Amino acid sequence: MLDIRESGLNGIEFSKALLNAKNIAVMPGESFGTSSAGHIRVAMTVSDDIFEYATRTICSFASNFVGSTN
């Protein structure tokens, strides 16, 4: 699980925005209960190259929201 609370978005909002903007699918933490809210779950079922690309893209995408007023 990755903590995305600093983005100002909940897991559902972040997951939808990431899919729409970058075509990367993750699971919102809220799918796993309230204690996982503000997190996303990534699957590690792809090649290392694809996983590295996806994690870099997720980090870059999240940085667009940190410190902004959503």
PDB file of N, CA and C in Angstrom:
ATOM      1  N   MET A   1       0.842  -1.169   0.000  1.00  0.00           N
ATOM      2  CA  MET A   1       0.000   0.000   0.000  1.00  0.00           C
ATOM      3  C   MET A   1       0.891   1.237   0.000  1.00  0.00           C
ATOM      4  N   LEU A   2       0.520   2.186  -0.813  1.00  0.00           N
ATOM      5  CA  LEU A   2       1.231   3.456  -0.879  1.00  0.00           C
ATOM      6  C   LEU A   2       0.359   4.536  -0.253  1.00  0.00           C
ATOM      7  N   ASP A   3       0.944   5.346   0.592  1.00  0.00           N
ATOM      8  CA  ASP A   3       0.243   6.427   1.283  1.00  0.00           C
ATOM      9  C   ASP A   3       0.156   7.627   0.351  1.00  0.00           C
ATOM     10  N   ILE A   4      -1.053   8.013  -0.043  1.00  0.00           N
ATOM     11  CA  ILE A   4      -1.233   9.149  -0.944  1.00  0.00           C
ATOM     12  C   ILE A   4      -1.989  10.300  -0.264  1.00  0.00           C
ATOM     13  N   ARG A   5      -2.055  10.282   1.069  1.00  0.00           N
ATOM     14  CA  ARG A   5      -2.822  11.300   1.785  1.00  0.00           C
ATOM     15  C   ARG A   5      -2.324  12.712   1.531  1.00  0.00           C
ATOM     16  N   GLU A   6      -1.019  12.891   1.331  1.00  0.00           N
ATOM     17  CA  GLU A   6      -0.498  14.237   1.082  1.00  0.00           C
ATOM     18  C   GLU A   6      -0.981  14.813  -0.241  1.00  0.00           C
ATOM     19  N   SER A   7      -1.539  13.981  -1.097  1.00  0.00           N
ATOM     20  CA  SER A   7      -2.064  14.481  -2.373  1.00  0.00           C
ATOM     21  C   SER A   7      -3.344  15.281  -2.168  1.00  0.00           C
ATOM     22  N   GLY A   8      -3.994  15.090  -1.019  1.00  0.00           N
ATOM     23  CA  GLY A   8      -5.264  15.755  -0.767  1.00  0.00           C
ATOM     24  C   GLY A   8      -6.453  15.003  -1.348  1.00  0.00           C
ATOM     25  N   LEU A   9      -6.185  13.898  -2.014  1.00  0.00           N
ATOM     26  CA  LEU A   9      -7.245  13.081  -2.598  1.00  0.00           C
ATOM     27  C   LEU A   9      -7.403  11.805  -1.787  1.00  0.00           C
ATOM     28  N   ASN A  10      -8.619  11.263  -1.787  1.00  0.00           N
ATOM     29  CA  ASN A  10      -8.766   9.949  -1.169  1.00  0.00           C
ATOM     30  C   ASN A  10      -8.339   8.892  -2.188  1.00  0.00           C
ATOM     31  N   GLY A  11      -8.287   7.663  -1.773  1.00  0.00           N
ATOM     32  CA  GLY A  11      -7.816   6.602  -2.647  1.00  0.00           C
ATOM     33  C   GLY A  11      -8.656   6.421  -3.896  1.00  0.00           C
ATOM     34  N   ILE A  12      -9.955   6.591  -3.753  1.00  0.00           N
ATOM     35  CA  ILE A  12     -10.855   6.439  -4.900  1.00  0.00           C
ATOM     36  C   ILE A  12     -10.613   7.548  -5.913  1.00  0.00           C
ATOM     37  N   GLU A  13     -10.556   8.792  -5.440  1.00  0.00           N
ATOM     38  CA  GLU A  13     -10.310   9.927  -6.337  1.00  0.00           C
ATOM     39  C   GLU A  13      -8.958   9.801  -7.030  1.00  0.00           C
ATOM     40  N   PHE A  14      -7.936   9.446  -6.253  1.00  0.00           N
ATOM     41  CA  PHE A  14      -6.591   9.319  -6.804  1.00  0.00           C
ATOM     42  C   PHE A  14      -6.540   8.215  -7.853  1.00  0.00           C
ATOM     43  N   SER A  15      -7.134   7.078  -7.549  1.00  0.00           N
ATOM     44  CA  SER A  15      -7.120   5.941  -8.477  1.00  0.00           C
ATOM     45  C   SER A  15      -7.799   6.281  -9.793  1.00  0.00           C
ATOM     46  N   LYS A  16      -8.946   6.943  -9.719  1.00  0.00           N
ATOM     47  CA  LYS A  16      -9.664   7.334 -10.937  1.00  0.00           C
ATOM     48  C   LYS A  16      -8.869   8.349 -11.742  1.00  0.00           C
ATOM     49  N   ALA A  17      -8.297   9.339 -11.058  1.00  0.00           N
ATOM     50  CA  ALA A  17      -7.519  10.368 -11.750  1.00  0.00           C
ATOM     51  C   ALA A  17      -6.282   9.768 -12.411  1.00  0.00           C
ATOM     52  N   LEU A  18      -5.606   8.862 -11.718  1.00  0.00           N
ATOM     53  CA  LEU A  18      -4.417   8.211 -12.263  1.00  0.00           C
ATOM     54  C   LEU A  18      -4.769   7.383 -13.498  1.00  0.00           C
ATOM     55  N   LEU A  19      -5.854   6.650 -13.432  1.00  0.00           N
ATOM     56  CA  LEU A  19      -6.281   5.840 -14.571  1.00  0.00           C
ATOM     57  C   LEU A  19      -6.615   6.730 -15.766  1.00  0.00           C
ATOM     58  N   ASN A  20      -7.356   7.798 -15.529  1.00  0.00           N
ATOM     59  CA  ASN A  20      -7.751   8.696 -16.620  1.00  0.00           C
ATOM     60  C   ASN A  20      -6.563   9.434 -17.226  1.00  0.00           C
ATOM     61  N   ALA A  21      -5.633   9.871 -16.387  1.00  0.00           N
ATOM     62  CA  ALA A  21      -4.512  10.682 -16.870  1.00  0.00           C
ATOM     63  C   ALA A  21      -3.353   9.857 -17.413  1.00  0.00           C
ATOM     64  N   LYS A  22      -3.064   8.722 -16.778  1.00  0.00           N
ATOM     65  CA  LYS A  22      -1.845   7.977 -17.104  1.00  0.00           C
ATOM     66  C   LYS A  22      -2.088   6.535 -17.534  1.00  0.00           C
ATOM     67  N   ASN A  23      -3.346   6.118 -17.534  1.00  0.00           N
ATOM     68  CA  ASN A  23      -3.703   4.750 -17.924  1.00  0.00           C
ATOM     69  C   ASN A  23      -3.009   3.696 -17.053  1.00  0.00           C
ATOM     70  N   ILE A  24      -2.868   4.017 -15.765  1.00  0.00           N
ATOM     71  CA  ILE A  24      -2.305   3.087 -14.788  1.00  0.00           C
ATOM     72  C   ILE A  24      -3.397   2.780 -13.768  1.00  0.00           C
ATOM     73  N   ALA A  25      -3.693   1.506 -13.602  1.00  0.00           N
ATOM     74  CA  ALA A  25      -4.750   1.086 -12.687  1.00  0.00           C
ATOM     75  C   ALA A  25      -4.158   0.636 -11.358  1.00  0.00           C
ATOM     76  N   VAL A  26      -4.716   1.153 -10.278  1.00  0.00           N
ATOM     77  CA  VAL A  26      -4.380   0.747  -8.913  1.00  0.00           C
ATOM     78  C   VAL A  26      -5.690   0.562  -8.165  1.00  0.00           C
ATOM     79  N   MET A  27      -5.627  -0.067  -7.009  1.00  0.00           N
ATOM     80  CA  MET A  27      -6.824  -0.245  -6.183  1.00  0.00           C
ATOM     81  C   MET A  27      -6.827   0.792  -5.072  1.00  0.00           C
ATOM     82  N   PRO A  28      -7.943   1.490  -4.886  1.00  0.00           N
ATOM     83  CA  PRO A  28      -8.014   2.417  -3.758  1.00  0.00           C
ATOM     84  C   PRO A  28      -8.011   1.652  -2.439  1.00  0.00           C
ATOM     85  N   GLY A  29      -7.327   2.186  -1.464  1.00  0.00           N
ATOM     86  CA  GLY A  29      -7.264   1.544  -0.157  1.00  0.00           C
ATOM     87  C   GLY A  29      -8.627   1.367   0.479  1.00  0.00           C
ATOM     88  N   GLU A  30      -9.545   2.267   0.161  1.00  0.00           N
ATOM     89  CA  GLU A  30     -10.888   2.186   0.723  1.00  0.00           C
ATOM     90  C   GLU A  30     -11.571   0.866   0.383  1.00  0.00           C
ATOM     91  N   SER A  31     -11.114   0.204  -0.665  1.00  0.00           N
ATOM     92  CA  SER A  31     -11.665  -1.108  -1.036  1.00  0.00           C
ATOM     93  C   SER A  31     -11.357  -2.172   0.009  1.00  0.00           C
ATOM     94  N   PHE A  32     -10.385  -1.890   0.876  1.00  0.00           N
ATOM     95  CA  PHE A  32      -9.938  -2.851   1.881  1.00  0.00           C
ATOM     96  C   PHE A  32     -10.332  -2.438   3.297  1.00  0.00           C
ATOM     97  N   GLY A  33     -11.208  -1.432   3.413  1.00  0.00           N
ATOM     98  CA  GLY A  33     -11.686  -0.997   4.718  1.00  0.00           C
ATOM     99  C   GLY A  33     -11.239   0.410   5.057  1.00  0.00           C
ATOM    100  N   THR A  34     -11.863   0.971   6.078  1.00  0.00           N
ATOM    101  CA  THR A  34     -11.595   2.363   6.440  1.00  0.00           C
ATOM    102  C   THR A  34     -10.171   2.588   6.929  1.00  0.00           C
ATOM    103  N   SER A  35      -9.545   1.581   7.492  1.00  0.00           N
ATOM    104  CA  SER A  35      -8.175   1.763   7.985  1.00  0.00           C
ATOM    105  C   SER A  35      -7.174   1.940   6.846  1.00  0.00           C
ATOM    106  N   SER A  36      -7.566   1.604   5.634  1.00  0.00           N
ATOM    107  CA  SER A  36      -6.680   1.754   4.472  1.00  0.00           C
ATOM    108  C   SER A  36      -7.016   2.975   3.625  1.00  0.00           C
ATOM    109  N   ALA A  37      -7.942   3.805   4.116  1.00  0.00           N
ATOM    110  CA  ALA A  37      -8.300   5.019   3.383  1.00  0.00           C
ATOM    111  C   ALA A  37      -7.062   5.901   3.218  1.00  0.00           C
ATOM    112  N   GLY A  38      -6.988   6.583   2.076  1.00  0.00           N
ATOM    113  CA  GLY A  38      -5.846   7.453   1.811  1.00  0.00           C
ATOM    114  C   GLY A  38      -4.622   6.714   1.310  1.00  0.00           C
ATOM    115  N   HIS A  39      -4.825   5.482   0.899  1.00  0.00           N
ATOM    116  CA  HIS A  39      -3.737   4.662   0.370  1.00  0.00           C
ATOM    117  C   HIS A  39      -4.185   4.049  -0.954  1.00  0.00           C
ATOM    118  N   ILE A  40      -3.222   3.590  -1.730  1.00  0.00           N
ATOM    119  CA  ILE A  40      -3.526   2.820  -2.932  1.00  0.00           C
ATOM    120  C   ILE A  40      -2.726   1.530  -2.888  1.00  0.00           C
ATOM    121  N   ARG A  41      -3.256   0.528  -3.532  1.00  0.00           N
ATOM    122  CA  ARG A  41      -2.564  -0.763  -3.603  1.00  0.00           C
ATOM    123  C   ARG A  41      -2.106  -0.982  -5.036  1.00  0.00           C
ATOM    124  N   VAL A  42      -0.851  -1.338  -5.178  1.00  0.00           N
ATOM    125  CA  VAL A  42      -0.301  -1.625  -6.503  1.00  0.00           C
ATOM    126  C   VAL A  42      -0.043  -3.123  -6.611  1.00  0.00           C
ATOM    127  N   ALA A  43      -0.226  -3.658  -7.793  1.00  0.00           N
ATOM    128  CA  ALA A  43       0.056  -5.072  -8.040  1.00  0.00           C
ATOM    129  C   ALA A  43       1.460  -5.199  -8.611  1.00  0.00           C
ATOM    130  N   MET A  44       2.180  -6.172  -8.128  1.00  0.00           N
ATOM    131  CA  MET A  44       3.548  -6.399  -8.590  1.00  0.00           C
ATOM    132  C   MET A  44       3.587  -7.625  -9.489  1.00  0.00           C
ATOM    133  N   THR A  45       2.650  -7.685 -10.420  1.00  0.00           N
ATOM    134  CA  THR A  45       2.502  -8.857 -11.283  1.00  0.00           C
ATOM    135  C   THR A  45       2.937  -8.571 -12.715  1.00  0.00           C
ATOM    136  N   VAL A  46       3.792  -7.574 -12.876  1.00  0.00           N
ATOM    137  CA  VAL A  46       4.308  -7.200 -14.193  1.00  0.00           C
ATOM    138  C   VAL A  46       5.828  -7.301 -14.162  1.00  0.00           C
ATOM    139  N   SER A  47       6.437  -7.131 -15.303  1.00  0.00           N
ATOM    140  CA  SER A  47       7.900  -7.188 -15.356  1.00  0.00           C
ATOM    141  C   SER A  47       8.501  -6.042 -14.542  1.00  0.00           C
ATOM    142  N   ASP A  48       9.745  -6.203 -14.148  1.00  0.00           N
ATOM    143  CA  ASP A  48      10.429  -5.166 -13.367  1.00  0.00           C
ATOM    144  C   ASP A  48      10.458  -3.838 -14.106  1.00  0.00           C
ATOM    145  N   ASP A  49      10.677  -3.857 -15.413  1.00  0.00           N
ATOM    146  CA  ASP A  49      10.733  -2.621 -16.192  1.00  0.00           C
ATOM    147  C   ASP A  49       9.400  -1.881 -16.160  1.00  0.00           C
ATOM    148  N   ILE A  50       8.321  -2.607 -16.334  1.00  0.00           N
ATOM    149  CA  ILE A  50       6.994  -1.986 -16.306  1.00  0.00           C
ATOM    150  C   ILE A  50       6.672  -1.492 -14.907  1.00  0.00           C
ATOM    151  N   PHE A  51       7.017  -2.277 -13.893  1.00  0.00           N
ATOM    152  CA  PHE A  51       6.749  -1.854 -12.516  1.00  0.00           C
ATOM    153  C   PHE A  51       7.524  -0.582 -12.187  1.00  0.00           C
ATOM    154  N   GLU A  52       8.785  -0.511 -12.604  1.00  0.00           N
ATOM    155  CA  GLU A  52       9.586   0.692 -12.351  1.00  0.00           C
ATOM    156  C   GLU A  52       8.981   1.901 -13.057  1.00  0.00           C
ATOM    157  N   TYR A  53       8.588   1.739 -14.311  1.00  0.00           N
ATOM    158  CA  TYR A  53       7.946   2.829 -15.045  1.00  0.00           C
ATOM    159  C   TYR A  53       6.671   3.281 -14.329  1.00  0.00           C
ATOM    160  N   ALA A  54       5.848   2.326 -13.924  1.00  0.00           N
ATOM    161  CA  ALA A  54       4.583   2.658 -13.270  1.00  0.00           C
ATOM    162  C   ALA A  54       4.809   3.380 -11.946  1.00  0.00           C
ATOM    163  N   THR A  55       5.755   2.921 -11.137  1.00  0.00           N
ATOM    164  CA  THR A  55       5.982   3.574  -9.845  1.00  0.00           C
ATOM    165  C   THR A  55       6.549   4.975 -10.031  1.00  0.00           C
ATOM    166  N   ARG A  56       7.419   5.161 -10.997  1.00  0.00           N
ATOM    167  CA  ARG A  56       7.931   6.512 -11.274  1.00  0.00           C
ATOM    168  C   ARG A  56       6.800   7.429 -11.741  1.00  0.00           C
ATOM    169  N   THR A  57       5.932   6.904 -12.579  1.00  0.00           N
ATOM    170  CA  THR A  57       4.805   7.684 -13.083  1.00  0.00           C
ATOM    171  C   THR A  57       3.837   8.029 -11.963  1.00  0.00           C
ATOM    172  N   ILE A  58       3.568   7.082 -11.081  1.00  0.00           N
ATOM    173  CA  ILE A  58       2.681   7.335  -9.941  1.00  0.00           C
ATOM    174  C   ILE A  58       3.264   8.426  -9.052  1.00  0.00           C
ATOM    175  N   CYS A  59       4.549   8.358  -8.761  1.00  0.00           N
ATOM    176  CA  CYS A  59       5.198   9.374  -7.917  1.00  0.00           C
ATOM    177  C   CYS A  59       5.137  10.747  -8.563  1.00  0.00           C
ATOM    178  N   SER A  60       5.429  10.810  -9.840  1.00  0.00           N
ATOM    179  CA  SER A  60       5.372  12.077 -10.563  1.00  0.00           C
ATOM    180  C   SER A  60       3.950  12.628 -10.573  1.00  0.00           C
ATOM    181  N   PHE A  61       2.985  11.764 -10.820  1.00  0.00           N
ATOM    182  CA  PHE A  61       1.581  12.161 -10.834  1.00  0.00           C
ATOM    183  C   PHE A  61       1.159  12.696  -9.469  1.00  0.00           C
ATOM    184  N   ALA A  62       1.529  12.000  -8.408  1.00  0.00           N
ATOM    185  CA  ALA A  62       1.160  12.418  -7.049  1.00  0.00           C
ATOM    186  C   ALA A  62       1.777  13.765  -6.699  1.00  0.00           C
ATOM    187  N   SER A  63       2.984  14.024  -7.179  1.00  0.00           N
ATOM    188  CA  SER A  63       3.660  15.282  -6.842  1.00  0.00           C
ATOM    189  C   SER A  63       2.915  16.493  -7.386  1.00  0.00           C
ATOM    190  N   ASN A  64       2.089  16.297  -8.396  1.00  0.00           N
ATOM    191  CA  ASN A  64       1.289  17.401  -8.930  1.00  0.00           C
ATOM    192  C   ASN A  64       0.246  17.891  -7.937  1.00  0.00           C
ATOM    193  N   PHE A  65      -0.119  17.066  -6.979  1.00  0.00           N
ATOM    194  CA  PHE A  65      -1.170  17.410  -6.030  1.00  0.00           C
ATOM    195  C   PHE A  65      -0.636  17.889  -4.688  1.00  0.00           C
ATOM    196  N   VAL A  66       0.560  17.501  -4.323  1.00  0.00           N
ATOM    197  CA  VAL A  66       1.118  17.839  -3.012  1.00  0.00           C
ATOM    198  C   VAL A  66       1.300  19.346  -2.917  1.00  0.00           C
ATOM    199  N   GLY A  67       0.738  19.917  -1.870  1.00  0.00           N
ATOM    200  CA  GLY A  67       0.852  21.348  -1.644  1.00  0.00           C
ATOM    201  C   GLY A  67      -0.165  22.184  -2.394  1.00  0.00           C
ATOM    202  N   SER A  68      -0.984  21.555  -3.242  1.00  0.00           N
ATOM    203  CA  SER A  68      -2.006  22.309  -3.964  1.00  0.00           C
ATOM    204  C   SER A  68      -3.301  22.284  -3.168  1.00  0.00           C
ATOM    205  N   THR A  69      -4.203  23.149  -3.533  1.00  0.00           N
ATOM    206  CA  THR A  69      -5.529  23.138  -2.915  1.00  0.00           C
ATOM    207  C   THR A  69      -6.479  22.522  -3.915  1.00  0.00           C
ATOM    208  N   ASN A  70      -6.831  21.260  -3.684  1.00  0.00           N
ATOM    209  CA  ASN A  70      -7.655  20.504  -4.637  1.00  0.00           C
ATOM    210  C   ASN A  70      -9.082  20.942  -4.585  1.00  0.00           C
TER     211      ASN A  70
END
